[in-house]
Amino acid sequence: MAKILQAESTLTDRYQTTVPDIVRKTLGLSKRDKICYVINGDGTVTIARSQESEDDPILGSFLDFLAQDMEQNPQHLQPITSQTLDRIQSLVGDVDIDLDAPLSNEDE
């Protein structure tokens, strides 16, 4: 039978706590990592290290909506004309964006 370890922490007045060292080590947590809490049917709570996901649930839902709409209403689909493409390029052609640049505090 596996040995069960127990750790304890205290909530502050702002409902914050420090994750005990043994829990941090067991989960392999570092500063700024996210923790996932699972509330079980019996009232117990399981914590685990959150799995980083590249998937954006909002974007995924929107793309699913678009795919469904295109399937249900193919008559609404229209090719992009060369005029529309020229207009788009005139609006964004000179815009330089670094997708790897960190967001400012204002943008987060």
C-alpha atoms as a PDB file:
ATOM      1  CA  MET A   1       0.000   0.000   0.000  1.00  0.00           C
ATOM      2  CA  ALA A   2       1.316   3.452  -0.917  1.00  0.00           C
ATOM      3  CA  LYS A   3       2.280   5.774   1.868  1.00  0.00           C
ATOM      4  CA  ILE A   4      -0.060   8.760   2.127  1.00  0.00           C
ATOM      5  CA  LEU A   5       1.474  12.097   3.036  1.00  0.00           C
ATOM      6  CA  GLN A   6      -0.486  14.893   4.601  1.00  0.00           C
ATOM      7  CA  ALA A   7       0.213  18.608   4.583  1.00  0.00           C
ATOM      8  CA  GLU A   8      -1.609  21.586   6.032  1.00  0.00           C
ATOM      9  CA  SER A   9      -1.774  25.299   5.298  1.00  0.00           C
ATOM     10  CA  THR A  10      -3.742  28.240   6.650  1.00  0.00           C
ATOM     11  CA  LEU A  11      -6.031  30.637   4.785  1.00  0.00           C
ATOM     12  CA  THR A  12      -5.279  34.323   5.154  1.00  0.00           C
ATOM     13  CA  ASP A  13      -7.961  36.977   5.594  1.00  0.00           C
ATOM     14  CA  ARG A  14      -7.986  37.246   1.777  1.00  0.00           C
ATOM     15  CA  TYR A  15      -8.536  33.468   1.370  1.00  0.00           C
ATOM     16  CA  GLN A  16      -4.984  32.930   0.145  1.00  0.00           C
ATOM     17  CA  THR A  17      -2.635  30.180   1.240  1.00  0.00           C
ATOM     18  CA  THR A  18       0.873  28.933   0.627  1.00  0.00           C
ATOM     19  CA  VAL A  19       1.080  25.554  -1.070  1.00  0.00           C
ATOM     20  CA  PRO A  20       3.105  23.371   1.299  1.00  0.00           C
ATOM     21  CA  ASP A  21       6.609  22.418   0.168  1.00  0.00           C
ATOM     22  CA  ILE A  22       5.835  18.687  -0.036  1.00  0.00           C
ATOM     23  CA  VAL A  23       2.856  19.392  -2.313  1.00  0.00           C
ATOM     24  CA  ARG A  24       4.896  21.734  -4.537  1.00  0.00           C
ATOM     25  CA  LYS A  25       7.632  19.118  -4.865  1.00  0.00           C
ATOM     26  CA  THR A  26       5.231  16.249  -5.473  1.00  0.00           C
ATOM     27  CA  LEU A  27       3.377  18.168  -8.206  1.00  0.00           C
ATOM     28  CA  GLY A  28       6.571  19.665  -9.633  1.00  0.00           C
ATOM     29  CA  LEU A  29       5.250  23.197  -9.226  1.00  0.00           C
ATOM     30  CA  SER A  30       7.254  26.328  -9.875  1.00  0.00           C
ATOM     31  CA  LYS A  31       6.393  29.983  -9.390  1.00  0.00           C
ATOM     32  CA  ARG A  32       3.513  31.147 -11.616  1.00  0.00           C
ATOM     33  CA  ASP A  33       2.384  27.568 -12.388  1.00  0.00           C
ATOM     34  CA  LYS A  34      -1.348  26.955 -12.303  1.00  0.00           C
ATOM     35  CA  ILE A  35      -3.127  24.469 -10.065  1.00  0.00           C
ATOM     36  CA  CYS A  36      -6.293  22.603 -11.040  1.00  0.00           C
ATOM     37  CA  TYR A  37      -8.851  21.871  -8.296  1.00  0.00           C
ATOM     38  CA  VAL A  38     -11.315  19.003  -8.799  1.00  0.00           C
ATOM     39  CA  ILE A  39     -14.280  18.928  -6.422  1.00  0.00           C
ATOM     40  CA  ASN A  40     -15.342  15.298  -5.990  1.00  0.00           C
ATOM     41  CA  GLY A  41     -18.868  14.094  -5.284  1.00  0.00           C
ATOM     42  CA  ASP A  42     -17.959  13.084  -1.733  1.00  0.00           C
ATOM     43  CA  GLY A  43     -16.875  16.653  -0.880  1.00  0.00           C
ATOM     44  CA  THR A  44     -13.152  16.016  -1.128  1.00  0.00           C
ATOM     45  CA  VAL A  45     -10.968  18.169  -3.342  1.00  0.00           C
ATOM     46  CA  THR A  46      -8.114  16.900  -5.453  1.00  0.00           C
ATOM     47  CA  ILE A  47      -5.422  19.273  -6.636  1.00  0.00           C
ATOM     48  CA  ALA A  48      -3.102  18.712  -9.545  1.00  0.00           C
ATOM     49  CA  ARG A  49      -0.747  20.714 -11.687  1.00  0.00           C
ATOM     50  CA  SER A  50      -2.749  22.265 -14.527  1.00  0.00           C
ATOM     51  CA  GLN A  51      -1.851  20.958 -17.925  1.00  0.00           C
ATOM     52  CA  GLU A  52      -0.901  23.860 -20.145  1.00  0.00           C
ATOM     53  CA  SER A  53      -3.074  23.862 -23.206  1.00  0.00           C
ATOM     54  CA  GLU A  54      -2.461  25.718 -26.398  1.00  0.00           C
ATOM     55  CA  ASP A  55      -6.161  25.403 -27.208  1.00  0.00           C
ATOM     56  CA  ASP A  56      -8.282  28.462 -26.585  1.00  0.00           C
ATOM     57  CA  PRO A  57     -11.784  27.262 -25.632  1.00  0.00           C
ATOM     58  CA  ILE A  58     -13.398  30.496 -26.822  1.00  0.00           C
ATOM     59  CA  LEU A  59     -11.649  30.387 -30.177  1.00  0.00           C
ATOM     60  CA  GLY A  60     -12.437  26.678 -30.503  1.00  0.00           C
ATOM     61  CA  SER A  61     -16.136  27.324 -29.878  1.00  0.00           C
ATOM     62  CA  PHE A  62     -16.149  30.167 -32.399  1.00  0.00           C
ATOM     63  CA  LEU A  63     -14.443  28.034 -35.049  1.00  0.00           C
ATOM     64  CA  ASP A  64     -16.937  25.218 -34.397  1.00  0.00           C
ATOM     65  CA  PHE A  65     -19.764  27.738 -34.832  1.00  0.00           C
ATOM     66  CA  LEU A  66     -18.298  28.939 -38.146  1.00  0.00           C
ATOM     67  CA  ALA A  67     -17.862  25.380 -39.428  1.00  0.00           C
ATOM     68  CA  GLN A  68     -21.440  24.523 -38.494  1.00  0.00           C
ATOM     69  CA  ASP A  69     -22.791  27.692 -40.112  1.00  0.00           C
ATOM     70  CA  MET A  70     -20.835  27.053 -43.326  1.00  0.00           C
ATOM     71  CA  GLU A  71     -22.184  23.504 -43.450  1.00  0.00           C
ATOM     72  CA  GLN A  72     -25.781  24.588 -42.837  1.00  0.00           C
ATOM     73  CA  ASN A  73     -25.687  27.692 -45.077  1.00  0.00           C
ATOM     74  CA  PRO A  74     -23.306  27.072 -47.979  1.00  0.00           C
ATOM     75  CA  GLN A  75     -25.275  29.608 -50.027  1.00  0.00           C
ATOM     76  CA  HIS A  76     -23.763  32.376 -47.860  1.00  0.00           C
ATOM     77  CA  LEU A  77     -20.186  31.510 -48.839  1.00  0.00           C
ATOM     78  CA  GLN A  78     -18.609  33.868 -51.331  1.00  0.00           C
ATOM     79  CA  PRO A  79     -15.118  33.972 -52.780  1.00  0.00           C
ATOM     80  CA  ILE A  80     -12.880  36.881 -51.840  1.00  0.00           C
ATOM     81  CA  THR A  81     -12.615  39.222 -54.769  1.00  0.00           C
ATOM     82  CA  SER A  82      -9.341  40.787 -55.831  1.00  0.00           C
ATOM     83  CA  GLN A  83     -10.828  44.180 -54.844  1.00  0.00           C
ATOM     84  CA  THR A  84     -11.500  42.940 -51.306  1.00  0.00           C
ATOM     85  CA  LEU A  85      -8.008  41.473 -51.073  1.00  0.00           C
ATOM     86  CA  ASP A  86      -6.465  44.757 -52.274  1.00  0.00           C
ATOM     87  CA  ARG A  87      -8.523  46.659 -49.673  1.00  0.00           C
ATOM     88  CA  ILE A  88      -7.402  44.340 -46.868  1.00  0.00           C
ATOM     89  CA  GLN A  89      -3.754  44.654 -47.898  1.00  0.00           C
ATOM     90  CA  SER A  90      -4.040  48.458 -48.027  1.00  0.00           C
ATOM     91  CA  LEU A  91      -5.360  48.465 -44.455  1.00  0.00           C
ATOM     92  CA  VAL A  92      -2.821  46.106 -42.887  1.00  0.00           C
ATOM     93  CA  GLY A  93       0.066  45.941 -45.345  1.00  0.00           C
ATOM     94  CA  ASP A  94       2.331  48.287 -43.371  1.00  0.00           C
ATOM     95  CA  VAL A  95       1.427  46.949 -39.931  1.00  0.00           C
ATOM     96  CA  ASP A  96       4.372  45.216 -38.243  1.00  0.00           C
ATOM     97  CA  ILE A  97       3.382  42.789 -35.490  1.00  0.00           C
ATOM     98  CA  ASP A  98       5.717  40.698 -33.340  1.00  0.00           C
ATOM     99  CA  LEU A  99       3.562  37.751 -32.229  1.00  0.00           C
ATOM    100  CA  ASP A 100       6.275  36.669 -29.784  1.00  0.00           C
ATOM    101  CA  ALA A 101       6.463  40.015 -27.967  1.00  0.00           C
ATOM    102  CA  PRO A 102       5.060  39.933 -24.417  1.00  0.00           C
ATOM    103  CA  LEU A 103       1.875  41.869 -23.746  1.00  0.00           C
ATOM    104  CA  SER A 104       2.120  44.991 -21.668  1.00  0.00           C
ATOM    105  CA  ASN A 105       0.379  45.018 -18.271  1.00  0.00           C
ATOM    106  CA  GLU A 106      -2.255  47.206 -19.894  1.00  0.00           C
ATOM    107  CA  ASP A 107      -3.029  44.567 -22.546  1.00  0.00           C
ATOM    108  CA  GLU A 108      -3.190  41.526 -20.249  1.00  0.00           C
END
